[in-house]
Amino acid sequence: MNAAAVCIESLRHRYVEREALAGVSFEVAPREIFGLLGPNGSGKTTLFKILSTLVRPTDGRVRIFGHDLVSEAAAIRRRLGVVFQRPSVDGKLTVRENLHHHGHLYGLRGAALRQRADAMLDRLGLRERAGDLVETLSGGLQRRVELAKGLLHQPDLLLLDEPSTGLDPGARRDFNRYIAQLRDQEGVTVVLTTHYMEEAERCDRVGILHEGRLVSLGQPDQLKAEVGGDVVVIHPQNTELLQAKIRDRLGCDAVIVDGTLRVERPRGHEFIRDLVDAFPDEVKSVTFGKPTLEDVFIHLTGHRFWVGAPNGSEE
């Protein structure tokens, strides 16, 4: 059995008086696409900075391909490819010039560099745009250039921070397809942070972060199965009054989330029928559906998966 590509043990990080990571532990297997899902402020950006060797953790241990993050950072960096959320390409240089400058940082020169750059241009469909200034490219194409840079030196581990931010749905699907190809054809291990549910759904496994803690870990379908049935969302005339009546008359607990009532139970359509029959004048509207990863987050934390960060924090 292969050793873990990434092993994180009791990881903690503190900013002055605020703890961004509070004892996070998990492993990532080789050739796995692992997603860190969480709203802004959950700790995923801090964790990304630690994994990319930009920040030393306050406490705990991280090993990447057996190397200790703190004492063997140089060995780790040689095996990392990193694509940051904010653009790191130079818009005033061409696509090829960006790749060549990045290759120099890893000691690539001459024919070897040209061959690697050509391979990345072909793989990511950028050959025809190689001579174009990056600032003239669409957001999706610029993201491909970022990925080409991150893969130029053939890393074993690719770290992606919010890789789909700013991409339209079509470009997002293309980008996710490239990531799957890297896993399947190149054997690259991928760790990405995201707040897009559909992106997390495509990962082999997902870790859900909330307020610096890992609250759930597993395959997307497994996590959704833990919700326990259909998710019924009720928009009532009076939230607390209807909550009490549902408990007394229908024998189930409805959770208040942002002014709505949520019930998790099998055969949700039958519950809706009973609900409307019992309280026809107290329900403004009601919907139900199969659980999503956002429902998993609500199930675990009691509130919605907000994209906005508390107090402007992105950690």
Protein backbone atom coordinates (compact mmCIF):
# COMPACT_ATOMS: atom_id res chain seq x y z
CA MET A 1 0.00 0.00 0.00
CA ASN A 2 1.44 3.38 -1.00
CA ALA A 3 2.33 5.89 1.69
CA ALA A 4 0.22 9.03 1.88
CA ALA A 5 1.15 11.85 -0.49
CA VAL A 6 0.10 14.36 2.19
CA CYS A 7 -0.15 13.61 5.90
CA ILE A 8 -1.48 16.33 8.23
CA GLU A 9 -1.48 15.75 11.98
CA SER A 10 -3.14 18.03 14.56
CA LEU A 11 -2.41 21.13 12.50
CA ARG A 12 -2.97 24.48 14.18
CA HIS A 13 -2.35 28.04 13.11
CA ARG A 14 -3.09 31.26 14.96
CA TYR A 15 -3.25 34.87 13.81
CA VAL A 16 -2.70 36.96 16.96
CA GLU A 17 -5.88 36.16 18.91
CA ARG A 18 -7.78 34.20 16.25
CA GLU A 19 -7.18 30.52 15.60
CA ALA A 20 -7.52 29.87 11.85
CA LEU A 21 -6.84 26.12 12.12
CA ALA A 22 -7.76 24.18 15.24
CA GLY A 23 -6.26 20.69 15.19
CA VAL A 24 -6.87 19.55 11.60
CA SER A 25 -5.81 16.00 10.68
CA PHE A 26 -6.23 14.05 7.42
CA GLU A 27 -4.28 12.24 4.70
CA VAL A 28 -4.30 12.46 0.91
CA ALA A 29 -3.50 9.35 -1.10
CA PRO A 30 -1.24 9.36 -4.18
CA ARG A 31 -3.12 10.06 -7.46
CA GLU A 32 -6.10 11.39 -5.53
CA ILE A 33 -8.07 14.58 -6.23
CA PHE A 34 -8.79 15.89 -2.76
CA GLY A 35 -11.05 18.90 -2.24
CA LEU A 36 -11.06 21.25 0.74
CA LEU A 37 -14.57 22.69 0.83
CA GLY A 38 -15.46 25.59 3.05
CA PRO A 39 -16.79 29.13 3.04
CA ASN A 40 -14.40 32.05 3.32
CA GLY A 41 -13.17 32.21 6.88
CA SER A 42 -13.16 28.43 7.31
CA GLY A 43 -9.36 28.08 7.31
CA LYS A 44 -8.86 26.60 3.86
CA THR A 45 -6.72 29.46 2.54
CA THR A 46 -4.46 29.27 5.59
CA LEU A 47 -4.14 25.53 5.08
CA PHE A 48 -3.27 26.12 1.41
CA LYS A 49 -0.53 28.59 2.37
CA ILE A 50 0.92 26.06 4.80
CA LEU A 51 0.89 23.22 2.24
CA SER A 52 2.57 25.45 -0.34
CA THR A 53 5.37 26.19 2.22
CA LEU A 54 4.54 29.91 2.39
CA VAL A 55 3.51 29.83 6.06
CA ARG A 56 4.84 27.79 8.97
CA PRO A 57 2.13 26.29 11.15
CA THR A 58 1.85 27.30 14.79
CA ASP A 59 1.66 23.67 15.85
CA GLY A 60 1.18 20.18 14.44
CA ARG A 61 2.99 18.35 11.67
CA VAL A 62 2.75 18.14 7.88
CA ARG A 63 4.56 15.58 5.73
CA ILE A 64 4.49 15.66 1.93
CA PHE A 65 5.81 12.50 0.24
CA GLY A 66 7.49 11.69 3.54
CA HIS A 67 9.28 15.05 3.86
CA ASP A 68 8.65 17.23 6.89
CA LEU A 69 7.19 20.58 5.87
CA VAL A 70 9.24 22.63 8.32
CA SER A 71 12.66 20.96 8.19
CA GLU A 72 12.62 19.79 4.54
CA ALA A 73 10.76 22.59 2.76
CA ALA A 74 13.28 22.79 -0.10
CA ALA A 75 12.80 19.11 -0.98
CA ILE A 76 9.02 19.57 -0.93
CA ARG A 77 9.06 22.64 -3.18
CA ARG A 78 10.79 20.71 -5.95
CA ARG A 79 7.82 18.33 -6.06
CA LEU A 80 5.09 20.98 -5.83
CA GLY A 81 3.11 22.76 -8.50
CA VAL A 82 1.07 25.67 -7.18
CA VAL A 83 -1.75 27.62 -8.83
CA PHE A 84 -2.87 30.51 -6.67
CA GLN A 85 -6.32 32.06 -6.60
CA ARG A 86 -4.96 35.43 -7.67
CA PRO A 87 -3.24 35.53 -11.07
CA SER A 88 0.53 35.02 -11.03
CA VAL A 89 1.11 35.28 -14.78
CA ASP A 90 2.61 38.44 -16.29
CA GLY A 91 0.06 39.99 -18.64
CA LYS A 92 2.73 41.96 -20.50
CA LEU A 93 4.56 38.78 -21.53
CA THR A 94 3.42 36.22 -24.06
CA VAL A 95 2.19 32.80 -23.03
CA ARG A 96 5.50 31.18 -24.03
CA GLU A 97 7.56 33.86 -22.28
CA ASN A 98 5.65 33.24 -19.06
CA LEU A 99 6.44 29.53 -19.27
CA HIS A 100 10.11 30.10 -20.04
CA HIS A 101 10.59 32.54 -17.16
CA HIS A 102 8.88 30.11 -14.79
CA GLY A 103 11.04 27.23 -16.06
CA HIS A 104 14.20 29.19 -15.26
CA LEU A 105 13.17 29.22 -11.60
CA TYR A 106 13.38 25.41 -11.62
CA GLY A 107 16.69 25.25 -13.46
CA LEU A 108 15.22 24.40 -16.88
CA ARG A 109 17.19 25.74 -19.85
CA GLY A 110 17.64 25.30 -23.58
CA ALA A 111 16.11 22.37 -25.42
CA ALA A 112 14.73 20.76 -22.27
CA LEU A 113 12.80 23.92 -21.41
CA ARG A 114 11.50 24.34 -24.95
CA GLN A 115 10.33 20.73 -25.03
CA ARG A 116 8.54 21.04 -21.69
CA ALA A 117 6.92 24.32 -22.70
CA ASP A 118 5.76 22.87 -26.02
CA ALA A 119 4.31 19.85 -24.22
CA MET A 120 2.32 22.08 -21.86
CA LEU A 121 1.11 24.28 -24.70
CA ASP A 122 -0.16 21.23 -26.57
CA ARG A 123 -1.66 19.56 -23.53
CA LEU A 124 -3.65 22.62 -22.52
CA GLY A 125 -4.66 23.75 -26.00
CA LEU A 126 -2.51 26.86 -25.97
CA ARG A 127 -0.20 26.23 -28.92
CA GLU A 128 -1.99 28.69 -31.23
CA ARG A 129 -1.92 31.38 -28.53
CA ALA A 130 1.72 30.88 -27.50
CA GLY A 131 2.79 34.21 -29.01
CA ASP A 132 -0.12 36.22 -27.61
CA LEU A 133 0.21 38.55 -24.66
CA VAL A 134 -1.48 36.97 -21.66
CA GLU A 135 -3.48 40.14 -21.00
CA THR A 136 -5.31 39.62 -24.32
CA LEU A 137 -6.57 36.14 -23.33
CA SER A 138 -9.93 35.28 -21.81
CA GLY A 139 -10.13 34.35 -18.14
CA GLY A 140 -10.40 30.68 -19.00
CA LEU A 141 -7.29 30.75 -21.20
CA GLN A 142 -5.34 32.70 -18.57
CA ARG A 143 -6.24 30.01 -16.06
CA ARG A 144 -4.85 27.42 -18.48
CA VAL A 145 -1.59 29.37 -18.60
CA GLU A 146 -1.50 29.31 -14.78
CA LEU A 147 -1.96 25.54 -14.86
CA ALA A 148 0.73 25.15 -17.55
CA LYS A 149 3.16 27.05 -15.31
CA GLY A 150 2.29 24.91 -12.34
CA LEU A 151 2.89 21.70 -14.32
CA LEU A 152 5.95 22.77 -16.30
CA HIS A 153 8.48 21.14 -13.95
CA GLN A 154 6.42 17.90 -13.70
CA PRO A 155 5.37 18.12 -10.04
CA ASP A 156 4.08 15.15 -8.09
CA LEU A 157 1.61 17.27 -6.12
CA LEU A 158 -0.51 20.06 -7.60
CA LEU A 159 -2.03 22.60 -5.21
CA LEU A 160 -4.93 24.66 -6.57
CA ASP A 161 -6.42 27.56 -4.60
CA GLU A 162 -10.00 28.27 -5.75
CA PRO A 163 -9.05 27.26 -9.32
CA SER A 164 -12.46 28.05 -10.87
CA THR A 165 -12.82 31.56 -9.47
CA GLY A 166 -13.71 33.97 -12.27
CA LEU A 167 -14.38 31.26 -14.85
CA ASP A 168 -17.65 30.87 -16.70
CA PRO A 169 -19.40 27.47 -16.38
CA GLY A 170 -17.98 26.15 -19.67
CA ALA A 171 -14.41 27.11 -18.80
CA ARG A 172 -14.91 25.64 -15.33
CA ARG A 173 -15.93 22.28 -16.81
CA ASP A 174 -12.91 22.32 -19.13
CA PHE A 175 -10.58 23.11 -16.25
CA ASN A 176 -11.97 20.28 -14.12
CA ARG A 177 -11.58 17.89 -17.05
CA TYR A 178 -7.88 18.83 -17.31
CA ILE A 179 -7.42 18.07 -13.62
CA ALA A 180 -8.95 14.60 -14.02
CA GLN A 181 -6.63 13.94 -16.97
CA LEU A 182 -3.63 14.86 -14.86
CA ARG A 183 -4.63 12.32 -12.26
CA ASP A 184 -5.42 9.57 -14.76
CA GLN A 185 -2.64 10.10 -17.32
CA GLU A 186 0.21 11.70 -15.34
CA GLY A 187 -0.40 10.25 -11.88
CA VAL A 188 -0.47 13.71 -10.29
CA THR A 189 -1.94 14.12 -6.82
CA VAL A 190 -4.20 17.16 -6.60
CA VAL A 191 -5.31 19.15 -3.55
CA LEU A 192 -7.69 22.01 -4.26
CA THR A 193 -9.65 24.50 -2.20
CA THR A 194 -13.10 25.52 -3.37
CA HIS A 195 -16.46 26.93 -2.36
CA TYR A 196 -18.13 25.64 -5.54
CA MET A 197 -20.26 22.60 -4.75
CA GLU A 198 -20.09 21.18 -8.28
CA GLU A 199 -16.29 21.35 -8.18
CA ALA A 200 -16.20 19.52 -4.86
CA GLU A 201 -18.56 16.87 -6.27
CA ARG A 202 -15.91 15.91 -8.85
CA CYS A 203 -13.25 15.22 -6.23
CA ASP A 204 -12.39 11.70 -5.13
CA ARG A 205 -12.76 12.80 -1.52
CA VAL A 206 -13.76 16.00 0.22
CA GLY A 207 -12.83 17.52 3.56
CA ILE A 208 -15.31 20.09 4.85
CA LEU A 209 -13.83 22.89 6.94
CA HIS A 210 -15.80 25.11 9.31
CA GLU A 211 -14.25 27.71 11.60
CA GLY A 212 -10.85 26.08 11.42
CA ARG A 213 -12.03 22.54 12.08
CA LEU A 214 -12.47 19.55 9.79
CA VAL A 215 -16.13 18.68 10.37
CA SER A 216 -16.48 15.93 7.76
CA LEU A 217 -14.30 13.82 5.49
CA GLY A 218 -15.16 11.28 2.80
CA GLN A 219 -16.36 10.63 -0.73
CA PRO A 220 -19.04 13.11 -1.85
CA ASP A 221 -21.75 10.45 -2.18
CA GLN A 222 -20.91 9.04 1.25
CA LEU A 223 -21.17 12.46 2.86
CA LYS A 224 -24.54 13.14 1.23
CA ALA A 225 -25.86 9.76 2.37
CA GLU A 226 -25.20 10.79 5.98
CA VAL A 227 -27.86 13.50 5.76
CA GLY A 228 -30.53 10.81 6.10
CA GLY A 229 -33.05 11.26 3.33
CA ASP A 230 -34.61 14.03 1.28
CA VAL A 231 -34.17 17.64 2.33
CA VAL A 232 -37.46 19.50 2.74
CA VAL A 233 -37.30 23.30 2.95
CA ILE A 234 -40.39 25.08 4.26
CA HIS A 235 -41.10 28.81 4.01
CA PRO A 236 -43.66 29.37 6.80
CA GLN A 237 -45.89 32.23 7.80
CA ASN A 238 -44.52 32.01 11.36
CA THR A 239 -41.28 30.07 11.68
CA GLU A 240 -41.13 29.27 15.38
CA LEU A 241 -44.86 28.58 15.69
CA LEU A 242 -44.87 26.14 12.78
CA GLN A 243 -41.71 24.48 14.10
CA ALA A 244 -43.49 23.67 17.36
CA LYS A 245 -46.62 22.43 15.57
CA ILE A 246 -44.62 20.13 13.27
CA ARG A 247 -42.91 18.61 16.29
CA ASP A 248 -46.19 18.11 18.18
CA ARG A 249 -48.38 16.90 15.32
CA LEU A 250 -46.02 15.24 12.84
CA GLY A 251 -43.46 13.99 15.33
CA CYS A 252 -40.31 15.32 13.76
CA ASP A 253 -37.86 18.11 14.44
CA ALA A 254 -37.58 20.94 11.93
CA VAL A 255 -34.43 23.05 12.11
CA ILE A 256 -34.58 26.81 11.63
CA VAL A 257 -32.06 28.02 9.03
CA ASP A 258 -32.22 31.66 7.90
CA GLY A 259 -35.96 31.99 8.44
CA THR A 260 -36.84 28.66 6.82
CA LEU A 261 -37.58 25.27 8.35
CA ARG A 262 -35.55 22.26 7.18
CA VAL A 263 -36.55 18.64 7.64
CA GLU A 264 -34.38 15.68 6.63
CA ARG A 265 -36.27 12.44 6.12
CA PRO A 266 -36.85 9.67 3.56
CA ARG A 267 -39.73 10.03 1.08
CA GLY A 268 -39.87 13.77 1.40
CA HIS A 269 -42.80 14.06 -1.01
CA GLU A 270 -45.00 12.14 1.44
CA PHE A 271 -43.98 14.43 4.28
CA ILE A 272 -44.89 17.45 2.16
CA ARG A 273 -48.35 15.99 1.58
CA ASP A 274 -48.85 15.48 5.33
CA LEU A 275 -47.48 18.93 6.07
CA VAL A 276 -49.78 20.76 3.67
CA ASP A 277 -52.79 18.72 4.79
CA ALA A 278 -52.09 19.56 8.42
CA PHE A 279 -51.16 23.24 8.02
CA PRO A 280 -52.62 24.52 4.72
CA ASP A 281 -52.66 28.16 5.79
CA GLU A 282 -49.30 28.25 7.55
CA VAL A 283 -47.01 27.26 4.67
CA LYS A 284 -46.14 29.84 2.04
CA SER A 285 -44.07 27.43 -0.06
CA VAL A 286 -42.15 24.18 0.27
CA THR A 287 -39.49 22.39 -1.78
CA PHE A 288 -37.60 19.14 -1.49
CA GLY A 289 -34.68 17.42 -3.15
CA LYS A 290 -31.85 14.95 -2.72
CA PRO A 291 -29.04 16.11 -0.42
CA THR A 292 -26.20 18.21 -1.81
CA LEU A 293 -22.85 18.96 -0.22
CA GLU A 294 -24.32 22.26 0.91
CA ASP A 295 -26.99 20.27 2.74
CA VAL A 296 -24.19 18.27 4.37
CA PHE A 297 -22.64 21.54 5.55
CA ILE A 298 -25.97 22.76 6.95
CA HIS A 299 -26.57 19.38 8.58
CA LEU A 300 -23.21 19.62 10.35
CA THR A 301 -23.10 23.31 11.23
CA GLY A 302 -26.71 24.48 11.40
CA HIS A 303 -26.32 27.33 8.92
CA ARG A 304 -25.87 27.95 5.23
CA PHE A 305 -22.65 27.77 3.29
CA TRP A 306 -21.92 31.46 2.98
CA VAL A 307 -19.44 32.59 0.33
CA GLY A 308 -18.82 35.91 2.08
CA ALA A 309 -16.28 35.75 4.88
CA PRO A 310 -16.98 37.02 8.37
CA ASN A 311 -15.21 40.32 9.02
CA GLY A 312 -13.75 40.23 5.52
CA SER A 313 -11.53 37.29 6.38
CA GLU A 314 -10.43 34.92 3.64
CA GLU A 315 -8.63 32.45 5.87
